[in-house]
C-alpha cells in the first residue's frame, strides 16, 4: 500500500509555531544500504531512493509527511539524487549534510542538533529514517500532536508502534507510568526471541521501537554529553572543519571518521531518564525484507504481489517482480523472485532475511553486483551499460534538461555518440556544435570533450566506447559544474 496522501499538510510544522511551541524541524537520516532488498536495493541506489510501494520513493514520502523543508543527512554517493528527489516533490532541502563515512544514527543526530543549536536552539528535531513506510499519515500527525507538548516540557520522545504480531526483527519498548499524551519509558529491549516476543505482545505493555524520535535540541545535546561524553565535541569538530560544497555541507572526513559509531538508542535513549513514548497505530513498516514489502503491497486473488513483466500460473503467496525481462512463474508458493537486468533473486519468503548474506558473499568475491547495478547515477542524469565485451562498451546516456557533463578526456578509449531523442550541444577539441535526433559524432581518444543538454526535454543518446580499456575510472575532468574535482 502507498501512503494515503499527496502532500501532507500539518498545522504548526512551519519554522515558527504559535502559542510559544518551539519550531519543528524534520531531520531525515538517509545513510542506509537496504541490503535485504537486494538485488533491487544496492549501496549506490538503496531502498529509500526507490519507488517500492507507490509512485514516489520512500525518501520522498518521508519528506512529504510534514510538507516542510527537511534537513537530510546522507553519504557522498547519494547527495545529488537526494537533492533532486526532494525538488521533484517541491521541497527545497533546508540542508543536505554529507557524511564522509557512516557512523550510525547518534552522530548523525548530533550533527543535526549542533547545526540547529546555532540558529534554532529551542527547536524540536523530528528525527526520521528515510526508508520507512507510514500508511496512515493522519494517525502519525495525531501522535506528533501528542508528542510535541511532551518534548516541549523536557522529554526525549520516541514513537512506539502497537505490535500486530510477535515480530523478532524489531526492538521493543516497555511503557512505564502514564503521562499526558504518552508514557514514561521503563526500558528498551533489543530484538527478542520468539517466545519472549510473544510474551511482550500478550502483556500489552510493549510497543515496537519505530526509530522515529522527537528531540528538543538543547535537551538532546545535554543528554548526549551526559551519556556519550566526547561525541558532541567530536561532531562539532567535524562541523567546524567541514565546508560548503555547492548546496551541500561536507563534514570533515578525518574528524568525523574519529567519531564513535553508535546508534542513538544505545548512546542516549536507553540511558536517559527523560524519555517518553507515544504509542501509535499508523500502518508502519521499516520494509526490512521482501516479505515485509509483500505484506505492505496490494496482492491479487492468489495472494501474489506482481510487478513488471510477470506471468504467473498457479503460483500463490509470492512476491514476483521484474525490472525488464519477462518472468514466468509456474506453481510457485511463498517465494520471492526479483529480476533486474544483471541479477535474479529466488528465495523462500520465510528466509528472506538471509538475502543480506548473499550480498556479503558477493562482496567477498569482489562482485560489483553487490553494490551497484548497471545504471550509474550522476548529478547530470544517469547512464546504463547495455553491453560490454573485450575492448568495447555500449551505454545508454540520459542527460537532464539544462545539465552538462564535465569537460573531460579519456586516455584509453574513443567514443561514438548517436542522439536518440532531444538536442545535444557537443564540445570536441576546440569546436562546439549541435546534434539532433538521429545525428552522430566521434570523440577521438585523448580529445577534450563535453556533452550538454540545452533543451527542455531529456537528452537520450547511445554511446559506443572502443579501446584498450573502457573502465569508468578512465576519466580526466578538466572542468566540472558539480564540484567533483579536476586534474
Foldseek 3Di string as FASTA:
>chain_A
DAAPDLFAAAQQQECDGPDPQHHEAEEEEEADQLLLPPPVTFNLRHQQLDDQADDAGLLCVVCRLHNAAHEYEYAPSCQLSSQVSCVVSPHHHPAYEHAPDDQAAPLVVLLVLVVCCVPRLQYKYWYYYSQKGFRASVLVSVLVVLVRVLQNVQFKEFEFELDPALDQPFKKWFFDDDDRQFGFTPAIGHRDDSVVSVVVNVVSRMGTGRLIIIHNSVNLVVQLCVQPNPQSVLSVQQQVPWADFPRHIYGNNVSSVPHHRDYCCVRGVRPDRRYTYRYTHGRMDSCSHPLSSLVSHDADPQSEAEEDQEAEACEHLEDHYEPDDYHYHYNHYQWYWYYYPPDIDIGRNVPSVCSSVVLVVCVVVVHPSSHDDQWRADSQGIKGWDDDDQFKTKIKDKGAAFGKFFFKAFQFKKKKKAWQAAKKWKDWAPDIDIDHHGDMDIHDHPITMMIGHNDNHITIIMMMMGGNDDDPPRMAGPGGPRRPDGD
